N, C-alpha and C. Protein backbone atom coordinates (compact mmCIF):
# COMPACT_ATOMS: atom_id res chain seq x y z
N MET A 1 0.84 -1.17 0.00
CA MET A 1 0.00 0.00 0.00
C MET A 1 0.89 1.23 0.00
N HIS A 2 0.48 2.26 -0.73
CA HIS A 2 1.27 3.48 -0.86
C HIS A 2 0.85 4.48 0.20
N GLY A 3 1.79 5.32 0.61
CA GLY A 3 1.48 6.38 1.55
C GLY A 3 1.19 5.86 2.94
N GLN A 4 0.58 6.70 3.74
CA GLN A 4 0.30 6.38 5.13
C GLN A 4 -1.16 6.01 5.37
N GLN A 5 -1.95 5.82 4.31
CA GLN A 5 -3.36 5.51 4.46
C GLN A 5 -3.57 4.10 4.98
N SER A 6 -4.67 3.93 5.68
CA SER A 6 -5.07 2.59 6.07
C SER A 6 -6.37 2.27 5.36
N GLY A 7 -6.69 1.01 5.24
CA GLY A 7 -7.93 0.62 4.56
C GLY A 7 -7.70 0.38 3.08
N HIS A 8 -8.80 0.28 2.35
CA HIS A 8 -8.75 0.02 0.92
C HIS A 8 -8.50 1.29 0.12
N ILE A 9 -7.82 1.12 -0.99
CA ILE A 9 -7.58 2.22 -1.93
C ILE A 9 -7.87 1.68 -3.32
N ILE A 10 -8.58 2.44 -4.12
CA ILE A 10 -8.80 2.08 -5.52
C ILE A 10 -8.06 3.12 -6.35
N GLU A 11 -7.19 2.64 -7.24
CA GLU A 11 -6.46 3.53 -8.13
C GLU A 11 -6.67 3.08 -9.57
N PRO A 12 -7.04 4.01 -10.45
CA PRO A 12 -7.24 3.64 -11.84
C PRO A 12 -5.93 3.26 -12.53
N TRP A 13 -6.05 2.40 -13.55
CA TRP A 13 -4.90 1.94 -14.32
C TRP A 13 -5.25 2.13 -15.79
N LEU A 14 -4.49 2.98 -16.48
CA LEU A 14 -4.74 3.28 -17.88
C LEU A 14 -3.69 2.60 -18.74
N THR A 15 -4.12 1.82 -19.73
CA THR A 15 -3.19 1.24 -20.70
C THR A 15 -3.32 2.07 -21.97
N ILE A 16 -2.21 2.70 -22.34
CA ILE A 16 -2.24 3.68 -23.42
C ILE A 16 -1.18 3.31 -24.45
N SER A 17 -1.57 3.24 -25.73
CA SER A 17 -0.60 2.87 -26.76
C SER A 17 0.50 3.92 -26.88
N SER A 18 0.20 5.16 -26.60
CA SER A 18 1.21 6.23 -26.61
C SER A 18 1.64 6.53 -25.18
N GLY A 19 1.90 5.49 -24.44
CA GLY A 19 2.14 5.61 -23.00
C GLY A 19 3.27 6.53 -22.61
N LYS A 20 4.38 6.50 -23.34
CA LYS A 20 5.51 7.35 -22.95
C LYS A 20 5.13 8.82 -23.04
N SER A 21 4.46 9.22 -24.10
CA SER A 21 4.05 10.62 -24.20
C SER A 21 2.94 10.93 -23.20
N ALA A 22 2.09 9.94 -22.89
CA ALA A 22 1.03 10.15 -21.89
C ALA A 22 1.64 10.40 -20.51
N ILE A 23 2.66 9.65 -20.16
CA ILE A 23 3.32 9.84 -18.87
C ILE A 23 3.87 11.26 -18.79
N ASP A 24 4.52 11.71 -19.85
CA ASP A 24 5.04 13.08 -19.88
C ASP A 24 3.91 14.10 -19.78
N PHE A 25 2.80 13.84 -20.49
CA PHE A 25 1.66 14.75 -20.43
C PHE A 25 1.13 14.88 -19.01
N TYR A 26 0.92 13.75 -18.31
CA TYR A 26 0.35 13.79 -16.96
C TYR A 26 1.29 14.49 -15.99
N LYS A 27 2.59 14.36 -16.20
CA LYS A 27 3.55 15.08 -15.36
C LYS A 27 3.41 16.58 -15.57
N LYS A 28 3.31 16.98 -16.83
CA LYS A 28 3.22 18.41 -17.16
C LYS A 28 1.85 18.97 -16.79
N ALA A 29 0.78 18.26 -17.14
CA ALA A 29 -0.58 18.77 -16.95
C ALA A 29 -1.00 18.81 -15.49
N PHE A 30 -0.64 17.78 -14.73
CA PHE A 30 -1.13 17.66 -13.36
C PHE A 30 -0.03 17.76 -12.31
N GLY A 31 1.21 17.98 -12.74
CA GLY A 31 2.32 18.03 -11.79
C GLY A 31 2.58 16.68 -11.15
N ALA A 32 2.25 15.60 -11.86
CA ALA A 32 2.40 14.24 -11.32
C ALA A 32 3.88 13.85 -11.25
N THR A 33 4.19 13.02 -10.27
CA THR A 33 5.54 12.47 -10.13
C THR A 33 5.45 10.95 -10.16
N GLU A 34 6.51 10.32 -10.64
CA GLU A 34 6.57 8.85 -10.65
C GLU A 34 6.90 8.35 -9.26
N THR A 35 6.13 7.37 -8.80
CA THR A 35 6.43 6.73 -7.52
C THR A 35 6.81 5.26 -7.72
N TYR A 36 6.65 4.76 -8.94
CA TYR A 36 7.00 3.38 -9.26
C TYR A 36 7.21 3.29 -10.76
N ARG A 37 8.20 2.51 -11.18
CA ARG A 37 8.43 2.24 -12.61
C ARG A 37 8.98 0.84 -12.76
N PHE A 38 8.36 0.09 -13.69
CA PHE A 38 8.86 -1.23 -14.06
C PHE A 38 8.94 -1.27 -15.58
N GLU A 39 10.08 -1.69 -16.11
CA GLU A 39 10.25 -1.85 -17.55
C GLU A 39 10.65 -3.29 -17.81
N ASP A 40 9.90 -3.97 -18.70
CA ASP A 40 10.28 -5.34 -19.03
C ASP A 40 11.06 -5.36 -20.34
N PRO A 41 11.79 -6.46 -20.59
CA PRO A 41 12.65 -6.53 -21.77
C PRO A 41 11.91 -6.39 -23.11
N SER A 42 10.61 -6.69 -23.14
CA SER A 42 9.87 -6.60 -24.40
C SER A 42 9.42 -5.17 -24.70
N GLY A 43 9.72 -4.22 -23.82
CA GLY A 43 9.35 -2.84 -24.05
C GLY A 43 8.16 -2.37 -23.25
N GLY A 44 7.55 -3.28 -22.49
CA GLY A 44 6.42 -2.89 -21.65
C GLY A 44 6.89 -2.03 -20.49
N ILE A 45 6.05 -1.10 -20.10
CA ILE A 45 6.36 -0.21 -18.98
C ILE A 45 5.11 -0.08 -18.12
N VAL A 46 5.30 -0.09 -16.81
CA VAL A 46 4.24 0.21 -15.86
C VAL A 46 4.77 1.31 -14.95
N VAL A 47 4.01 2.40 -14.84
CA VAL A 47 4.41 3.54 -14.02
C VAL A 47 3.24 3.92 -13.12
N ARG A 48 3.55 4.16 -11.85
CA ARG A 48 2.55 4.75 -10.95
C ARG A 48 2.87 6.23 -10.83
N LEU A 49 1.86 7.05 -11.05
CA LEU A 49 2.00 8.50 -10.94
C LEU A 49 1.18 8.98 -9.76
N GLU A 50 1.64 10.06 -9.16
CA GLU A 50 0.92 10.62 -8.02
C GLU A 50 0.93 12.13 -8.12
N THR A 51 -0.23 12.72 -7.84
CA THR A 51 -0.35 14.17 -7.77
C THR A 51 -1.07 14.53 -6.48
N GLU A 52 -0.37 15.20 -5.58
CA GLU A 52 -0.89 15.60 -4.27
C GLU A 52 -1.58 14.44 -3.55
N GLY A 53 -0.96 13.26 -3.57
CA GLY A 53 -1.48 12.10 -2.85
C GLY A 53 -2.45 11.24 -3.63
N ALA A 54 -2.90 11.69 -4.81
CA ALA A 54 -3.83 10.91 -5.63
C ALA A 54 -3.00 10.10 -6.62
N GLY A 55 -3.11 8.78 -6.56
CA GLY A 55 -2.32 7.92 -7.42
C GLY A 55 -3.11 7.29 -8.55
N PHE A 56 -2.43 7.08 -9.68
CA PHE A 56 -2.99 6.32 -10.79
C PHE A 56 -1.84 5.69 -11.56
N TRP A 57 -2.15 4.69 -12.35
CA TRP A 57 -1.15 3.89 -13.05
C TRP A 57 -1.29 4.08 -14.56
N VAL A 58 -0.17 4.03 -15.26
CA VAL A 58 -0.15 4.08 -16.72
C VAL A 58 0.75 2.95 -17.19
N SER A 59 0.28 2.18 -18.17
CA SER A 59 1.12 1.12 -18.71
C SER A 59 1.14 1.18 -20.23
N ILE A 60 2.24 0.63 -20.75
CA ILE A 60 2.45 0.50 -22.18
C ILE A 60 2.73 -0.98 -22.42
N GLU A 61 2.01 -1.60 -23.33
CA GLU A 61 2.23 -3.01 -23.59
C GLU A 61 3.53 -3.22 -24.35
N GLY A 62 4.23 -4.29 -24.01
CA GLY A 62 5.47 -4.65 -24.70
C GLY A 62 5.19 -5.40 -25.98
N ALA A 63 6.18 -6.12 -26.47
CA ALA A 63 6.10 -6.83 -27.75
C ALA A 63 4.94 -7.82 -27.80
N GLU A 64 4.63 -8.48 -26.66
CA GLU A 64 3.54 -9.46 -26.69
C GLU A 64 2.19 -8.79 -26.93
N GLY A 65 2.09 -7.49 -26.70
CA GLY A 65 0.85 -6.77 -26.96
C GLY A 65 0.77 -6.20 -28.37
N GLU A 66 1.85 -6.32 -29.15
CA GLU A 66 1.85 -5.77 -30.50
C GLU A 66 0.86 -6.51 -31.38
N GLY A 67 0.29 -5.79 -32.30
CA GLY A 67 -0.67 -6.39 -33.22
C GLY A 67 -2.10 -6.28 -32.73
N LYS A 68 -2.28 -5.97 -31.44
CA LYS A 68 -3.64 -5.76 -30.93
C LYS A 68 -4.10 -4.38 -31.36
N PRO A 69 -5.36 -4.25 -31.76
CA PRO A 69 -5.83 -2.91 -32.12
C PRO A 69 -5.87 -2.02 -30.88
N ALA A 70 -5.52 -0.75 -31.06
CA ALA A 70 -5.58 0.19 -29.95
C ALA A 70 -7.04 0.45 -29.59
N ILE A 71 -7.33 0.41 -28.32
CA ILE A 71 -8.68 0.68 -27.84
C ILE A 71 -8.68 2.10 -27.30
N PRO A 72 -9.58 2.96 -27.80
CA PRO A 72 -9.60 4.33 -27.31
C PRO A 72 -9.94 4.37 -25.82
N LEU A 73 -9.33 5.30 -25.13
CA LEU A 73 -9.60 5.48 -23.71
C LEU A 73 -10.89 6.23 -23.49
N GLY A 74 -11.53 5.93 -22.39
CA GLY A 74 -12.57 6.71 -21.75
C GLY A 74 -13.58 7.42 -22.58
N GLY A 75 -13.25 8.63 -23.00
CA GLY A 75 -14.26 9.48 -23.59
C GLY A 75 -15.28 9.82 -22.52
N ASP A 76 -16.54 9.69 -22.83
CA ASP A 76 -17.57 10.05 -21.86
C ASP A 76 -18.08 8.84 -21.08
N ASN A 77 -17.66 7.62 -21.43
CA ASN A 77 -18.17 6.46 -20.69
C ASN A 77 -17.38 6.17 -19.42
N VAL A 78 -16.13 6.63 -19.35
CA VAL A 78 -15.32 6.53 -18.14
C VAL A 78 -14.67 7.89 -17.95
N LYS A 79 -14.82 8.45 -16.76
CA LYS A 79 -14.20 9.73 -16.47
C LYS A 79 -13.33 9.60 -15.24
N MET A 80 -12.28 10.41 -15.19
CA MET A 80 -11.44 10.51 -14.00
C MET A 80 -11.85 11.78 -13.29
N ILE A 81 -11.88 11.76 -11.96
CA ILE A 81 -12.12 12.97 -11.18
C ILE A 81 -10.88 13.24 -10.36
N LEU A 82 -10.29 14.39 -10.60
CA LEU A 82 -9.11 14.82 -9.86
C LEU A 82 -9.57 15.93 -8.92
N ILE A 83 -9.58 15.62 -7.63
CA ILE A 83 -10.05 16.57 -6.63
C ILE A 83 -8.85 17.35 -6.11
N THR A 84 -8.95 18.66 -6.19
CA THR A 84 -7.86 19.54 -5.80
C THR A 84 -8.44 20.80 -5.17
N ARG A 85 -7.67 21.43 -4.30
CA ARG A 85 -8.15 22.65 -3.63
C ARG A 85 -8.28 23.82 -4.60
N GLU A 86 -7.50 23.83 -5.67
CA GLU A 86 -7.50 24.94 -6.62
C GLU A 86 -7.73 24.44 -8.04
N PRO A 87 -8.99 24.11 -8.37
CA PRO A 87 -9.25 23.51 -9.69
C PRO A 87 -8.92 24.42 -10.87
N GLU A 88 -9.12 25.74 -10.72
CA GLU A 88 -8.87 26.64 -11.86
C GLU A 88 -7.40 26.57 -12.30
N GLY A 89 -6.48 26.60 -11.35
CA GLY A 89 -5.06 26.59 -11.68
C GLY A 89 -4.64 25.30 -12.36
N LEU A 90 -5.08 24.16 -11.82
CA LEU A 90 -4.71 22.87 -12.41
C LEU A 90 -5.37 22.69 -13.77
N PHE A 91 -6.60 23.17 -13.91
CA PHE A 91 -7.32 23.11 -15.18
C PHE A 91 -6.55 23.88 -16.25
N GLU A 92 -6.12 25.10 -15.93
CA GLU A 92 -5.36 25.92 -16.87
C GLU A 92 -4.02 25.27 -17.21
N GLN A 93 -3.36 24.68 -16.22
CA GLN A 93 -2.09 23.99 -16.44
C GLN A 93 -2.27 22.84 -17.43
N ALA A 94 -3.35 22.08 -17.28
CA ALA A 94 -3.63 20.96 -18.18
C ALA A 94 -3.93 21.46 -19.60
N LEU A 95 -4.66 22.56 -19.72
CA LEU A 95 -4.94 23.13 -21.05
C LEU A 95 -3.64 23.55 -21.73
N LYS A 96 -2.73 24.15 -20.99
CA LYS A 96 -1.44 24.55 -21.56
C LYS A 96 -0.60 23.35 -21.98
N ALA A 97 -0.88 22.18 -21.38
CA ALA A 97 -0.16 20.95 -21.74
C ALA A 97 -0.84 20.19 -22.88
N ASP A 98 -1.82 20.82 -23.55
CA ASP A 98 -2.52 20.29 -24.72
C ASP A 98 -3.78 19.49 -24.42
N ALA A 99 -4.35 19.64 -23.24
CA ALA A 99 -5.69 19.09 -22.99
C ALA A 99 -6.69 19.98 -23.73
N THR A 100 -7.90 19.46 -23.94
CA THR A 100 -8.97 20.19 -24.61
C THR A 100 -10.12 20.41 -23.64
N GLU A 101 -10.59 21.63 -23.55
CA GLU A 101 -11.70 21.93 -22.65
C GLU A 101 -12.99 21.31 -23.16
N VAL A 102 -13.69 20.59 -22.27
CA VAL A 102 -15.02 20.08 -22.56
C VAL A 102 -16.03 21.08 -22.00
N PHE A 103 -15.86 21.48 -20.74
CA PHE A 103 -16.58 22.62 -20.18
C PHE A 103 -15.70 23.26 -19.11
N PRO A 104 -15.81 24.60 -18.96
CA PRO A 104 -14.92 25.31 -18.05
C PRO A 104 -15.28 25.06 -16.59
N VAL A 105 -14.36 25.42 -15.70
CA VAL A 105 -14.62 25.32 -14.27
C VAL A 105 -15.76 26.27 -13.91
N GLY A 106 -16.75 25.74 -13.26
CA GLY A 106 -17.91 26.52 -12.79
C GLY A 106 -18.44 25.89 -11.51
N GLU A 107 -19.48 26.47 -10.97
CA GLU A 107 -20.08 25.96 -9.74
C GLU A 107 -21.47 25.43 -10.03
N ASP A 108 -21.69 24.16 -9.68
CA ASP A 108 -22.98 23.52 -9.90
C ASP A 108 -23.06 22.26 -9.06
N HIS A 109 -24.23 21.94 -8.57
CA HIS A 109 -24.49 20.70 -7.83
C HIS A 109 -23.55 20.52 -6.64
N GLY A 110 -23.17 21.64 -6.00
CA GLY A 110 -22.33 21.55 -4.82
C GLY A 110 -20.84 21.37 -5.09
N TRP A 111 -20.43 21.55 -6.35
CA TRP A 111 -19.02 21.39 -6.73
C TRP A 111 -18.55 22.59 -7.53
N LYS A 112 -17.27 22.89 -7.43
CA LYS A 112 -16.57 23.76 -8.37
C LYS A 112 -15.81 22.79 -9.26
N LEU A 113 -16.16 22.75 -10.57
CA LEU A 113 -15.71 21.64 -11.41
C LEU A 113 -15.65 22.05 -12.87
N GLY A 114 -14.65 21.54 -13.59
CA GLY A 114 -14.56 21.68 -15.03
C GLY A 114 -14.14 20.34 -15.62
N ARG A 115 -14.40 20.16 -16.91
CA ARG A 115 -14.01 18.90 -17.56
C ARG A 115 -13.13 19.20 -18.76
N LEU A 116 -12.11 18.34 -18.93
CA LEU A 116 -11.24 18.43 -20.10
C LEU A 116 -10.98 17.03 -20.61
N ALA A 117 -10.51 16.97 -21.85
CA ALA A 117 -10.11 15.70 -22.46
C ALA A 117 -8.60 15.76 -22.66
N ASP A 118 -7.92 14.69 -22.25
CA ASP A 118 -6.48 14.65 -22.49
C ASP A 118 -6.22 14.23 -23.94
N PRO A 119 -4.99 14.35 -24.43
CA PRO A 119 -4.71 14.02 -25.83
C PRO A 119 -4.93 12.55 -26.18
N TYR A 120 -5.21 11.70 -25.19
CA TYR A 120 -5.35 10.26 -25.42
C TYR A 120 -6.80 9.80 -25.33
N GLY A 121 -7.74 10.76 -25.14
CA GLY A 121 -9.15 10.45 -25.16
C GLY A 121 -9.83 10.35 -23.81
N MET A 122 -9.07 10.40 -22.71
CA MET A 122 -9.67 10.28 -21.38
C MET A 122 -10.23 11.62 -20.95
N HIS A 123 -11.43 11.60 -20.38
CA HIS A 123 -12.03 12.81 -19.83
C HIS A 123 -11.69 12.91 -18.35
N TRP A 124 -11.27 14.10 -17.93
CA TRP A 124 -10.89 14.39 -16.55
C TRP A 124 -11.77 15.51 -16.03
N GLU A 125 -12.43 15.28 -14.90
CA GLU A 125 -13.12 16.35 -14.22
C GLU A 125 -12.19 16.81 -13.11
N ILE A 126 -11.95 18.13 -13.06
CA ILE A 126 -11.03 18.69 -12.09
C ILE A 126 -11.83 19.65 -11.22
N GLY A 127 -11.86 19.38 -9.92
CA GLY A 127 -12.67 20.24 -9.08
C GLY A 127 -12.55 19.94 -7.60
N CYS A 128 -13.47 20.55 -6.86
CA CYS A 128 -13.55 20.33 -5.41
C CYS A 128 -14.99 20.57 -4.96
N PRO A 129 -15.37 19.91 -3.86
CA PRO A 129 -16.71 20.18 -3.33
C PRO A 129 -16.76 21.60 -2.76
N LEU A 130 -17.90 22.26 -2.89
CA LEU A 130 -18.10 23.58 -2.30
C LEU A 130 -18.44 23.43 -0.82
N GLY A 131 -18.09 24.41 -0.08
CA GLY A 131 -18.51 24.40 1.33
C GLY A 131 -17.49 24.11 2.29
């Protein structure tokens, strides 16, 4: 288990055909840092990234995964929610790193929240609860 938390933790794991550039994007867009990296001889990579205590995984399939058609990530059927104290700043940082705005940060339903799409097709909601 990572960090000092007790109990269960669920962390998303994204398999991305452009994984190396995705890892760089998440570092730039969200200020993420690597907390784990495994590289196998066939070219596969597994990296755990963390931003302000929120962890997620990114992997790239090695040679044994070659020939499989790339499956697009997320879109609107799976979304990531990145909860942060200052959603506007992180949202703008992600846009500067080549994310695309789906809707701007606003206040609705008890949240300050905006949605963007990363260059790999995943939708990210960036926000915090109001109050």
